[in-house]
Amino acid sequence: MASKKMNHGVILVLLSSVFFAFVPNSAKIALDDGSSLFFLVFSRYAIGALILFLFIVLIGGNLKIPFRTLPYVILSSIFACLLIMLTYHAVDYLDVGLVMLILYCFPIGVAFISYLRGKTEILLIQWLSIIVLMLGLYLMLSTGNKTLNLYGLFISFMGLLFFIAFIVTAADLSEQIGATTFNLYLSLIGIVFLTVGFILPLGFEINLPLTNTGSLAIFANGLFYVLSWVLFFKGASIIGATRSSMLACVEPLFAALLAIILLGQLLSVTEWIGFFIVLTSIYSFEKNSANLKPQSK
């Protein structure tokens, strides 16, 4: 029974990765169609909040959360918002592949923190799998652009730290109040944070997409963003943040396959090698996960 539940958690995380692969592709379509970056981010939160609110009301779910958890939900939501903003800011100074490579180091941080907190036991072969995974991601995401910018590197690594902090805190909160309810508050707080922290004091140019295709991409961006996070944290509540983070590294693989289908992009031989290294590393990690100590409640 426990094994069946674990398999269910793995399926949820893998499904979340499939949905998340649509996020960067739909974002690119929307941006190419004239949408401004800020409108893309803001609409992602707004669409996600609306979908989750309607879903919770429809199933008769609980919209309330324990008051004691509210400060932690706010903090985790701010981590997520800063992560998104730093990522988009970093690509102004660094190649997008390098930025994503830095961000996808997050399983190392999550695994290390979970290990220190006694949440999970990680075997040596699994640590090696994580390191080899990073090599595979490097081959997949590196474009050969050697131009480095210290400021860009700094904000990318800050984004990585916020990513790790978000995953660790959000995994705990989702387990306490439910992944759907948590993600609703995540979206609502993100809207408030963007409005109060940036729109009101700074002002931002809001450009809508020029065609129906762009508008559909905006909606898809919000829809798949919220589906991916809800499923990820539902899965994480079953198999733990460490395994979920490792499995989430299949997202670049799904994104690459979708880019081939939707955008006509092709992978080089080096990228295909990285593709299979990532798959092998994740398989090796999962194969040894049966020896992990169950996550404490």
C-alpha atoms as a PDB file:
ATOM      1  CA  MET A   1       0.000   0.000   0.000  1.00  0.00           C
ATOM      2  CA  ALA A   2       2.846   2.360   0.921  1.00  0.00           C
ATOM      3  CA  SER A   3       4.622   1.519  -2.334  1.00  0.00           C
ATOM      4  CA  LYS A   4       1.461   2.273  -4.313  1.00  0.00           C
ATOM      5  CA  LYS A   5       1.154   5.641  -2.562  1.00  0.00           C
ATOM      6  CA  MET A   6       4.795   6.436  -3.338  1.00  0.00           C
ATOM      7  CA  ASN A   7       4.231   5.590  -7.006  1.00  0.00           C
ATOM      8  CA  HIS A   8       1.232   7.912  -6.974  1.00  0.00           C
ATOM      9  CA  GLY A   9       3.469  10.711  -5.659  1.00  0.00           C
ATOM     10  CA  VAL A  10       6.067  10.075  -8.368  1.00  0.00           C
ATOM     11  CA  ILE A  11       3.375  10.203 -11.075  1.00  0.00           C
ATOM     12  CA  LEU A  12       2.054  13.514  -9.711  1.00  0.00           C
ATOM     13  CA  VAL A  13       5.520  15.116  -9.800  1.00  0.00           C
ATOM     14  CA  LEU A  14       6.252  13.815 -13.301  1.00  0.00           C
ATOM     15  CA  LEU A  15       2.873  15.086 -14.483  1.00  0.00           C
ATOM     16  CA  SER A  16       3.649  18.469 -12.933  1.00  0.00           C
ATOM     17  CA  SER A  17       6.874  18.529 -14.954  1.00  0.00           C
ATOM     18  CA  VAL A  18       4.940  17.861 -18.153  1.00  0.00           C
ATOM     19  CA  PHE A  19       2.627  20.790 -17.409  1.00  0.00           C
ATOM     20  CA  PHE A  20       5.513  23.050 -16.381  1.00  0.00           C
ATOM     21  CA  ALA A  21       7.199  22.407 -19.713  1.00  0.00           C
ATOM     22  CA  PHE A  22       4.356  24.360 -21.329  1.00  0.00           C
ATOM     23  CA  VAL A  23       5.125  27.447 -19.199  1.00  0.00           C
ATOM     24  CA  PRO A  24       8.350  28.685 -20.906  1.00  0.00           C
ATOM     25  CA  ASN A  25       7.049  27.744 -24.349  1.00  0.00           C
ATOM     26  CA  SER A  26       3.741  29.578 -23.881  1.00  0.00           C
ATOM     27  CA  ALA A  27       5.636  32.516 -22.369  1.00  0.00           C
ATOM     28  CA  LYS A  28       7.866  32.755 -25.436  1.00  0.00           C
ATOM     29  CA  ILE A  29       4.839  32.705 -27.737  1.00  0.00           C
ATOM     30  CA  ALA A  30       3.155  35.474 -25.714  1.00  0.00           C
ATOM     31  CA  LEU A  31       6.289  37.633 -25.597  1.00  0.00           C
ATOM     32  CA  ASP A  32       6.895  37.203 -29.323  1.00  0.00           C
ATOM     33  CA  ASP A  33       3.281  38.276 -29.883  1.00  0.00           C
ATOM     34  CA  GLY A  34       3.828  41.616 -28.161  1.00  0.00           C
ATOM     35  CA  SER A  35       3.060  40.935 -24.505  1.00  0.00           C
ATOM     36  CA  SER A  36       5.212  42.821 -22.021  1.00  0.00           C
ATOM     37  CA  LEU A  37       7.204  40.752 -19.551  1.00  0.00           C
ATOM     38  CA  PHE A  38       5.563  42.308 -16.508  1.00  0.00           C
ATOM     39  CA  PHE A  39       2.057  41.642 -17.846  1.00  0.00           C
ATOM     40  CA  LEU A  40       3.068  38.024 -18.457  1.00  0.00           C
ATOM     41  CA  VAL A  41       4.178  37.564 -14.834  1.00  0.00           C
ATOM     42  CA  PHE A  42       1.226  39.463 -13.350  1.00  0.00           C
ATOM     43  CA  SER A  43      -1.329  37.629 -15.493  1.00  0.00           C
ATOM     44  CA  ARG A  44       0.211  34.293 -14.498  1.00  0.00           C
ATOM     45  CA  TYR A  45      -0.615  35.004 -10.862  1.00  0.00           C
ATOM     46  CA  ALA A  46      -4.066  36.441 -11.647  1.00  0.00           C
ATOM     47  CA  ILE A  47      -5.143  33.525 -13.862  1.00  0.00           C
ATOM     48  CA  GLY A  48      -3.762  31.020 -11.365  1.00  0.00           C
ATOM     49  CA  ALA A  49      -5.630  32.640  -8.470  1.00  0.00           C
ATOM     50  CA  LEU A  50      -8.911  32.707 -10.396  1.00  0.00           C
ATOM     51  CA  ILE A  51      -8.644  29.055 -11.457  1.00  0.00           C
ATOM     52  CA  LEU A  52      -7.791  27.862  -7.956  1.00  0.00           C
ATOM     53  CA  PHE A  53     -10.512  29.955  -6.312  1.00  0.00           C
ATOM     54  CA  LEU A  54     -13.177  28.587  -8.655  1.00  0.00           C
ATOM     55  CA  PHE A  55     -11.892  25.036  -8.201  1.00  0.00           C
ATOM     56  CA  ILE A  56     -11.906  25.222  -4.403  1.00  0.00           C
ATOM     57  CA  VAL A  57     -15.411  26.721  -4.375  1.00  0.00           C
ATOM     58  CA  LEU A  58     -16.626  24.089  -6.853  1.00  0.00           C
ATOM     59  CA  ILE A  59     -15.421  21.149  -4.762  1.00  0.00           C
ATOM     60  CA  GLY A  60     -16.488  22.784  -1.510  1.00  0.00           C
ATOM     61  CA  GLY A  61     -12.907  23.045  -0.269  1.00  0.00           C
ATOM     62  CA  ASN A  62     -11.558  25.199   2.518  1.00  0.00           C
ATOM     63  CA  LEU A  63     -10.436  28.713   1.629  1.00  0.00           C
ATOM     64  CA  LYS A  64      -9.216  29.422   5.152  1.00  0.00           C
ATOM     65  CA  ILE A  65      -5.783  28.641   6.521  1.00  0.00           C
ATOM     66  CA  PRO A  66      -4.615  28.547  10.161  1.00  0.00           C
ATOM     67  CA  PHE A  67      -3.616  32.035  11.239  1.00  0.00           C
ATOM     68  CA  ARG A  68      -0.322  30.747  12.641  1.00  0.00           C
ATOM     69  CA  THR A  69       0.738  29.644   9.143  1.00  0.00           C
ATOM     70  CA  LEU A  70      -0.015  32.996   7.466  1.00  0.00           C
ATOM     71  CA  PRO A  71       3.409  34.632   8.110  1.00  0.00           C
ATOM     72  CA  TYR A  72       5.135  31.571   6.667  1.00  0.00           C
ATOM     73  CA  VAL A  73       2.827  31.515   3.634  1.00  0.00           C
ATOM     74  CA  ILE A  74       3.591  35.197   3.008  1.00  0.00           C
ATOM     75  CA  LEU A  75       7.338  34.573   3.347  1.00  0.00           C
ATOM     76  CA  SER A  76       7.249  31.566   1.003  1.00  0.00           C
ATOM     77  CA  SER A  77       5.177  33.524  -1.533  1.00  0.00           C
ATOM     78  CA  ILE A  78       7.690  36.374  -1.494  1.00  0.00           C
ATOM     79  CA  PHE A  79      10.485  33.847  -2.071  1.00  0.00           C
ATOM     80  CA  ALA A  80       8.609  32.583  -5.161  1.00  0.00           C
ATOM     81  CA  CYS A  81       7.970  36.072  -6.510  1.00  0.00           C
ATOM     82  CA  LEU A  82      11.594  37.150  -6.026  1.00  0.00           C
ATOM     83  CA  LEU A  83      12.708  33.954  -7.735  1.00  0.00           C
ATOM     84  CA  ILE A  84      10.642  34.759 -10.833  1.00  0.00           C
ATOM     85  CA  MET A  85      11.743  38.386 -10.973  1.00  0.00           C
ATOM     86  CA  LEU A  86      15.440  37.616 -10.444  1.00  0.00           C
ATOM     87  CA  THR A  87      15.308  34.943 -13.141  1.00  0.00           C
ATOM     88  CA  TYR A  88      13.821  37.314 -15.714  1.00  0.00           C
ATOM     89  CA  HIS A  89      16.256  40.038 -14.629  1.00  0.00           C
ATOM     90  CA  ALA A  90      19.262  37.722 -14.909  1.00  0.00           C
ATOM     91  CA  VAL A  91      18.589  36.875 -18.560  1.00  0.00           C
ATOM     92  CA  ASP A  92      19.260  40.532 -19.375  1.00  0.00           C
ATOM     93  CA  TYR A  93      22.886  39.954 -18.391  1.00  0.00           C
ATOM     94  CA  LEU A  94      23.536  36.245 -19.011  1.00  0.00           C
ATOM     95  CA  ASP A  95      22.634  33.612 -21.547  1.00  0.00           C
ATOM     96  CA  VAL A  96      19.288  32.080 -20.603  1.00  0.00           C
ATOM     97  CA  GLY A  97      20.821  28.589 -20.648  1.00  0.00           C
ATOM     98  CA  LEU A  98      23.382  29.565 -18.002  1.00  0.00           C
ATOM     99  CA  VAL A  99      20.696  31.161 -15.816  1.00  0.00           C
ATOM    100  CA  MET A 100      18.543  28.015 -15.989  1.00  0.00           C
ATOM    101  CA  LEU A 101      21.581  25.831 -15.306  1.00  0.00           C
ATOM    102  CA  ILE A 102      22.268  27.742 -12.091  1.00  0.00           C
ATOM    103  CA  LEU A 103      18.614  27.548 -11.025  1.00  0.00           C
ATOM    104  CA  TYR A 104      18.438  23.812 -11.681  1.00  0.00           C
ATOM    105  CA  CYS A 105      21.118  23.277  -9.058  1.00  0.00           C
ATOM    106  CA  PHE A 106      18.262  23.604  -6.554  1.00  0.00           C
ATOM    107  CA  PRO A 107      17.968  19.815  -5.893  1.00  0.00           C
ATOM    108  CA  ILE A 108      21.429  19.945  -4.277  1.00  0.00           C
ATOM    109  CA  GLY A 109      20.310  22.645  -1.845  1.00  0.00           C
ATOM    110  CA  VAL A 110      16.978  20.974  -1.114  1.00  0.00           C
ATOM    111  CA  ALA A 111      18.656  17.594  -0.563  1.00  0.00           C
ATOM    112  CA  PHE A 112      21.299  19.117   1.721  1.00  0.00           C
ATOM    113  CA  ILE A 113      18.737  20.988   3.841  1.00  0.00           C
ATOM    114  CA  SER A 114      16.456  17.932   4.070  1.00  0.00           C
ATOM    115  CA  TYR A 115      19.442  15.834   5.109  1.00  0.00           C
ATOM    116  CA  LEU A 116      20.498  18.313   7.811  1.00  0.00           C
ATOM    117  CA  ARG A 117      16.921  18.522   9.122  1.00  0.00           C
ATOM    118  CA  GLY A 118      16.717  14.743   9.362  1.00  0.00           C
ATOM    119  CA  LYS A 119      13.896  14.662   6.848  1.00  0.00           C
ATOM    120  CA  THR A 120      15.589  12.103   4.627  1.00  0.00           C
ATOM    121  CA  GLU A 121      18.597   9.858   4.333  1.00  0.00           C
ATOM    122  CA  ILE A 122      20.564  10.173   1.097  1.00  0.00           C
ATOM    123  CA  LEU A 123      22.915   7.460  -0.120  1.00  0.00           C
ATOM    124  CA  LEU A 124      26.317   8.183  -1.669  1.00  0.00           C
ATOM    125  CA  ILE A 125      25.144   6.862  -5.050  1.00  0.00           C
ATOM    126  CA  GLN A 126      22.294   9.374  -4.923  1.00  0.00           C
ATOM    127  CA  TRP A 127      24.631  12.285  -4.226  1.00  0.00           C
ATOM    128  CA  LEU A 128      26.668  11.115  -7.229  1.00  0.00           C
ATOM    129  CA  SER A 129      23.461  10.943  -9.286  1.00  0.00           C
ATOM    130  CA  ILE A 130      22.723  14.574  -8.435  1.00  0.00           C
ATOM    131  CA  ILE A 131      26.240  15.645  -9.512  1.00  0.00           C
ATOM    132  CA  VAL A 132      25.989  13.718 -12.798  1.00  0.00           C
ATOM    133  CA  LEU A 133      22.553  15.270 -13.318  1.00  0.00           C
ATOM    134  CA  MET A 134      24.159  18.715 -13.174  1.00  0.00           C
ATOM    135  CA  LEU A 135      26.591  17.609 -15.899  1.00  0.00           C
ATOM    136  CA  GLY A 136      23.693  16.469 -18.080  1.00  0.00           C
ATOM    137  CA  LEU A 137      21.865  19.763 -17.563  1.00  0.00           C
ATOM    138  CA  TYR A 138      25.055  21.637 -18.458  1.00  0.00           C
ATOM    139  CA  LEU A 139      25.267  19.792 -21.773  1.00  0.00           C
ATOM    140  CA  MET A 140      21.588  20.445 -22.436  1.00  0.00           C
ATOM    141  CA  LEU A 141      21.415  24.092 -21.433  1.00  0.00           C
ATOM    142  CA  SER A 142      24.866  25.440 -22.262  1.00  0.00           C
ATOM    143  CA  THR A 143      24.916  27.339 -25.541  1.00  0.00           C
ATOM    144  CA  GLY A 144      28.666  27.800 -25.716  1.00  0.00           C
ATOM    145  CA  ASN A 145      28.353  31.509 -24.904  1.00  0.00           C
ATOM    146  CA  LYS A 146      31.334  32.187 -22.638  1.00  0.00           C
ATOM    147  CA  THR A 147      30.477  35.817 -21.879  1.00  0.00           C
ATOM    148  CA  LEU A 148      30.028  36.138 -18.117  1.00  0.00           C
ATOM    149  CA  ASN A 149      28.688  39.090 -16.176  1.00  0.00           C
ATOM    150  CA  LEU A 150      29.410  39.190 -12.437  1.00  0.00           C
ATOM    151  CA  TYR A 151      26.177  41.012 -11.655  1.00  0.00           C
ATOM    152  CA  GLY A 152      24.214  38.518 -13.722  1.00  0.00           C
ATOM    153  CA  LEU A 153      25.910  35.627 -11.915  1.00  0.00           C
ATOM    154  CA  PHE A 154      25.167  37.233  -8.554  1.00  0.00           C
ATOM    155  CA  ILE A 155      21.446  37.661  -9.162  1.00  0.00           C
ATOM    156  CA  SER A 156      21.242  34.171 -10.679  1.00  0.00           C
ATOM    157  CA  PHE A 157      22.714  32.644  -7.530  1.00  0.00           C
ATOM    158  CA  MET A 158      20.392  34.815  -5.420  1.00  0.00           C
ATOM    159  CA  GLY A 159      17.547  33.382  -7.484  1.00  0.00           C
ATOM    160  CA  LEU A 160      18.867  29.887  -6.729  1.00  0.00           C
ATOM    161  CA  LEU A 161      18.849  30.606  -2.976  1.00  0.00           C
ATOM    162  CA  PHE A 162      15.274  31.890  -3.152  1.00  0.00           C
ATOM    163  CA  PHE A 163      14.321  28.823  -5.217  1.00  0.00           C
ATOM    164  CA  ILE A 164      15.695  26.478  -2.545  1.00  0.00           C
ATOM    165  CA  ALA A 165      14.042  28.480   0.250  1.00  0.00           C
ATOM    166  CA  PHE A 166      10.728  28.435  -1.623  1.00  0.00           C
ATOM    167  CA  ILE A 167      10.752  24.670  -2.264  1.00  0.00           C
ATOM    168  CA  VAL A 168      11.672  23.826   1.336  1.00  0.00           C
ATOM    169  CA  THR A 169       9.112  26.149   2.944  1.00  0.00           C
ATOM    170  CA  ALA A 170       6.359  25.487   0.404  1.00  0.00           C
ATOM    171  CA  ALA A 171       6.693  21.700   0.729  1.00  0.00           C
ATOM    172  CA  ASP A 172       6.100  21.941   4.482  1.00  0.00           C
ATOM    173  CA  LEU A 173       3.209  24.396   4.116  1.00  0.00           C
ATOM    174  CA  SER A 174       1.506  22.378   1.371  1.00  0.00           C
ATOM    175  CA  GLU A 175       1.581  19.361   3.645  1.00  0.00           C
ATOM    176  CA  GLN A 176      -0.050  21.371   6.449  1.00  0.00           C
ATOM    177  CA  ILE A 177      -2.767  23.311   4.593  1.00  0.00           C
ATOM    178  CA  GLY A 178      -3.065  21.479   1.274  1.00  0.00           C
ATOM    179  CA  ALA A 179      -1.328  22.132  -2.044  1.00  0.00           C
ATOM    180  CA  THR A 180      -4.368  23.718  -3.709  1.00  0.00           C
ATOM    181  CA  THR A 181      -5.103  26.177  -0.901  1.00  0.00           C
ATOM    182  CA  PHE A 182      -1.430  27.037  -0.511  1.00  0.00           C
ATOM    183  CA  ASN A 183      -1.061  27.802  -4.215  1.00  0.00           C
ATOM    184  CA  LEU A 184      -4.173  30.005  -4.119  1.00  0.00           C
ATOM    185  CA  TYR A 185      -2.583  32.142  -1.406  1.00  0.00           C
ATOM    186  CA  LEU A 186       0.744  31.993  -3.251  1.00  0.00           C
ATOM    187  CA  SER A 187      -0.907  33.587  -6.300  1.00  0.00           C
ATOM    188  CA  LEU A 188      -2.893  36.160  -4.305  1.00  0.00           C
ATOM    189  CA  ILE A 189       0.110  37.261  -2.272  1.00  0.00           C
ATOM    190  CA  GLY A 190       2.173  37.416  -5.476  1.00  0.00           C
ATOM    191  CA  ILE A 191      -0.371  39.846  -6.963  1.00  0.00           C
ATOM    192  CA  VAL A 192      -0.257  42.038  -3.841  1.00  0.00           C
ATOM    193  CA  PHE A 193       3.545  41.920  -3.695  1.00  0.00           C
ATOM    194  CA  LEU A 194       3.908  42.925  -7.345  1.00  0.00           C
ATOM    195  CA  THR A 195       1.309  45.701  -7.009  1.00  0.00           C
ATOM    196  CA  VAL A 196       2.537  47.256  -3.755  1.00  0.00           C
ATOM    197  CA  GLY A 197       6.237  46.611  -4.259  1.00  0.00           C
ATOM    198  CA  PHE A 198       6.590  47.449  -7.937  1.00  0.00           C
ATOM    199  CA  ILE A 199       3.527  48.712  -9.827  1.00  0.00           C
ATOM    200  CA  LEU A 200       2.556  51.525  -7.460  1.00  0.00           C
ATOM    201  CA  PRO A 201       6.045  52.924  -6.699  1.00  0.00           C
ATOM    202  CA  LEU A 202       7.710  52.250 -10.066  1.00  0.00           C
ATOM    203  CA  GLY A 203       5.008  51.776 -12.652  1.00  0.00           C
ATOM    204  CA  PHE A 204       5.339  49.209 -15.403  1.00  0.00           C
ATOM    205  CA  GLU A 205       4.464  49.170 -19.060  1.00  0.00           C
ATOM    206  CA  ILE A 206       1.610  46.736 -19.665  1.00  0.00           C
ATOM    207  CA  ASN A 207       1.395  45.545 -23.255  1.00  0.00           C
ATOM    208  CA  LEU A 208      -1.235  43.002 -24.249  1.00  0.00           C
ATOM    209  CA  PRO A 209      -0.660  40.354 -26.943  1.00  0.00           C
ATOM    210  CA  LEU A 210      -1.503  41.453 -30.457  1.00  0.00           C
ATOM    211  CA  THR A 211      -3.371  38.343 -31.619  1.00  0.00           C
ATOM    212  CA  ASN A 212      -5.671  35.633 -30.289  1.00  0.00           C
ATOM    213  CA  THR A 213      -2.735  33.229 -30.345  1.00  0.00           C
ATOM    214  CA  GLY A 214      -0.855  35.466 -27.928  1.00  0.00           C
ATOM    215  CA  SER A 215      -3.902  35.780 -25.673  1.00  0.00           C
ATOM    216  CA  LEU A 216      -4.303  32.004 -25.644  1.00  0.00           C
ATOM    217  CA  ALA A 217      -0.619  31.693 -24.741  1.00  0.00           C
ATOM    218  CA  ILE A 218      -1.130  34.096 -21.813  1.00  0.00           C
ATOM    219  CA  PHE A 219      -3.997  31.944 -20.513  1.00  0.00           C
ATOM    220  CA  ALA A 220      -2.003  28.740 -21.064  1.00  0.00           C
ATOM    221  CA  ASN A 221       0.926  30.250 -19.165  1.00  0.00           C
ATOM    222  CA  GLY A 222      -1.256  30.873 -16.112  1.00  0.00           C
ATOM    223  CA  LEU A 223      -3.107  27.557 -16.376  1.00  0.00           C
ATOM    224  CA  PHE A 224      -0.043  25.342 -16.683  1.00  0.00           C
ATOM    225  CA  TYR A 225       1.846  27.350 -14.061  1.00  0.00           C
ATOM    226  CA  VAL A 226      -0.800  26.655 -11.436  1.00  0.00           C
ATOM    227  CA  LEU A 227      -1.375  23.025 -12.473  1.00  0.00           C
ATOM    228  CA  SER A 228       2.335  22.273 -12.300  1.00  0.00           C
ATOM    229  CA  TRP A 229       2.846  23.760  -8.836  1.00  0.00           C
ATOM    230  CA  VAL A 230      -0.264  22.158  -7.305  1.00  0.00           C
ATOM    231  CA  LEU A 231       0.696  18.716  -8.608  1.00  0.00           C
ATOM    232  CA  PHE A 232       4.334  19.170  -7.603  1.00  0.00           C
ATOM    233  CA  PHE A 233       3.517  19.962  -3.996  1.00  0.00           C
ATOM    234  CA  LYS A 234       0.848  17.268  -3.795  1.00  0.00           C
ATOM    235  CA  GLY A 235       3.510  14.835  -4.928  1.00  0.00           C
ATOM    236  CA  ALA A 236       6.086  16.319  -2.551  1.00  0.00           C
ATOM    237  CA  SER A 237       3.748  15.747   0.397  1.00  0.00           C
ATOM    238  CA  ILE A 238       3.886  12.029  -0.458  1.00  0.00           C
ATOM    239  CA  ILE A 239       7.478  11.370  -1.554  1.00  0.00           C
ATOM    240  CA  GLY A 240       9.259  14.321   0.059  1.00  0.00           C
ATOM    241  CA  ALA A 241      10.878  17.493  -1.229  1.00  0.00           C
ATOM    242  CA  THR A 242      14.204  15.845  -2.107  1.00  0.00           C
ATOM    243  CA  ARG A 243      12.816  13.207  -4.477  1.00  0.00           C
ATOM    244  CA  SER A 244      10.342  15.703  -5.918  1.00  0.00           C
ATOM    245  CA  SER A 245      13.105  18.206  -6.658  1.00  0.00           C
ATOM    246  CA  MET A 246      15.198  15.557  -8.366  1.00  0.00           C
ATOM    247  CA  LEU A 247      12.259  14.366 -10.468  1.00  0.00           C
ATOM    248  CA  ALA A 248      11.417  17.981 -11.360  1.00  0.00           C
ATOM    249  CA  CYS A 249      14.679  18.125 -13.310  1.00  0.00           C
ATOM    250  CA  VAL A 250      12.920  16.312 -16.151  1.00  0.00           C
ATOM    251  CA  GLU A 251      11.219  19.656 -16.849  1.00  0.00           C
ATOM    252  CA  PRO A 252      13.974  20.839 -19.246  1.00  0.00           C
ATOM    253  CA  LEU A 253      13.611  17.535 -21.085  1.00  0.00           C
ATOM    254  CA  PHE A 254       9.865  17.960 -21.564  1.00  0.00           C
ATOM    255  CA  ALA A 255      10.381  21.644 -22.434  1.00  0.00           C
ATOM    256  CA  ALA A 256      12.928  20.678 -25.094  1.00  0.00           C
ATOM    257  CA  LEU A 257      10.581  18.098 -26.611  1.00  0.00           C
ATOM    258  CA  LEU A 258       7.721  20.619 -26.640  1.00  0.00           C
ATOM    259  CA  ALA A 259       9.978  23.231 -28.232  1.00  0.00           C
ATOM    260  CA  ILE A 260      10.675  20.742 -31.015  1.00  0.00           C
ATOM    261  CA  ILE A 261       6.934  20.206 -31.538  1.00  0.00           C
ATOM    262  CA  LEU A 262       5.590  23.745 -30.970  1.00  0.00           C
ATOM    263  CA  LEU A 263       8.494  25.973 -32.027  1.00  0.00           C
ATOM    264  CA  GLY A 264      10.345  23.791 -34.505  1.00  0.00           C
ATOM    265  CA  GLN A 265      13.577  23.918 -32.486  1.00  0.00           C
ATOM    266  CA  LEU A 266      16.053  21.046 -32.783  1.00  0.00           C
ATOM    267  CA  LEU A 267      18.530  19.610 -30.275  1.00  0.00           C
ATOM    268  CA  SER A 268      22.202  19.287 -31.104  1.00  0.00           C
ATOM    269  CA  VAL A 269      24.145  16.049 -30.548  1.00  0.00           C
ATOM    270  CA  THR A 270      25.577  17.512 -27.319  1.00  0.00           C
ATOM    271  CA  GLU A 271      22.104  18.423 -26.079  1.00  0.00           C
ATOM    272  CA  TRP A 272      20.825  14.907 -26.830  1.00  0.00           C
ATOM    273  CA  ILE A 273      23.744  13.455 -24.850  1.00  0.00           C
ATOM    274  CA  GLY A 274      22.839  15.744 -21.931  1.00  0.00           C
ATOM    275  CA  PHE A 275      19.196  14.718 -22.347  1.00  0.00           C
ATOM    276  CA  PHE A 276      19.996  11.031 -21.788  1.00  0.00           C
ATOM    277  CA  ILE A 277      22.471  11.754 -18.982  1.00  0.00           C
ATOM    278  CA  VAL A 278      19.697  13.582 -17.104  1.00  0.00           C
ATOM    279  CA  LEU A 279      17.297  10.678 -17.624  1.00  0.00           C
ATOM    280  CA  THR A 280      19.895   8.152 -16.454  1.00  0.00           C
ATOM    281  CA  SER A 281      20.763  10.201 -13.364  1.00  0.00           C
ATOM    282  CA  ILE A 282      17.140  10.550 -12.326  1.00  0.00           C
ATOM    283  CA  TYR A 283      16.571   6.822 -12.881  1.00  0.00           C
ATOM    284  CA  SER A 284      19.625   6.000 -10.732  1.00  0.00           C
ATOM    285  CA  PHE A 285      18.419   8.306  -7.957  1.00  0.00           C
ATOM    286  CA  GLU A 286      14.902   6.846  -8.017  1.00  0.00           C
ATOM    287  CA  LYS A 287      16.179   3.260  -8.169  1.00  0.00           C
ATOM    288  CA  ASN A 288      17.911   3.798  -4.828  1.00  0.00           C
ATOM    289  CA  SER A 289      15.089   5.806  -3.248  1.00  0.00           C
ATOM    290  CA  ALA A 290      13.586   2.650  -1.763  1.00  0.00           C
ATOM    291  CA  ASN A 291      16.439   2.812   0.751  1.00  0.00           C
ATOM    292  CA  LEU A 292      15.581   6.356   1.821  1.00  0.00           C
ATOM    293  CA  LYS A 293      14.247   6.893   5.298  1.00  0.00           C
ATOM    294  CA  PRO A 294      10.599   8.023   5.069  1.00  0.00           C
ATOM    295  CA  GLN A 295      10.029  11.701   5.557  1.00  0.00           C
ATOM    296  CA  SER A 296       9.014  12.553   9.099  1.00  0.00           C
ATOM    297  CA  LYS A 297       5.604  14.085   9.650  1.00  0.00           C
END
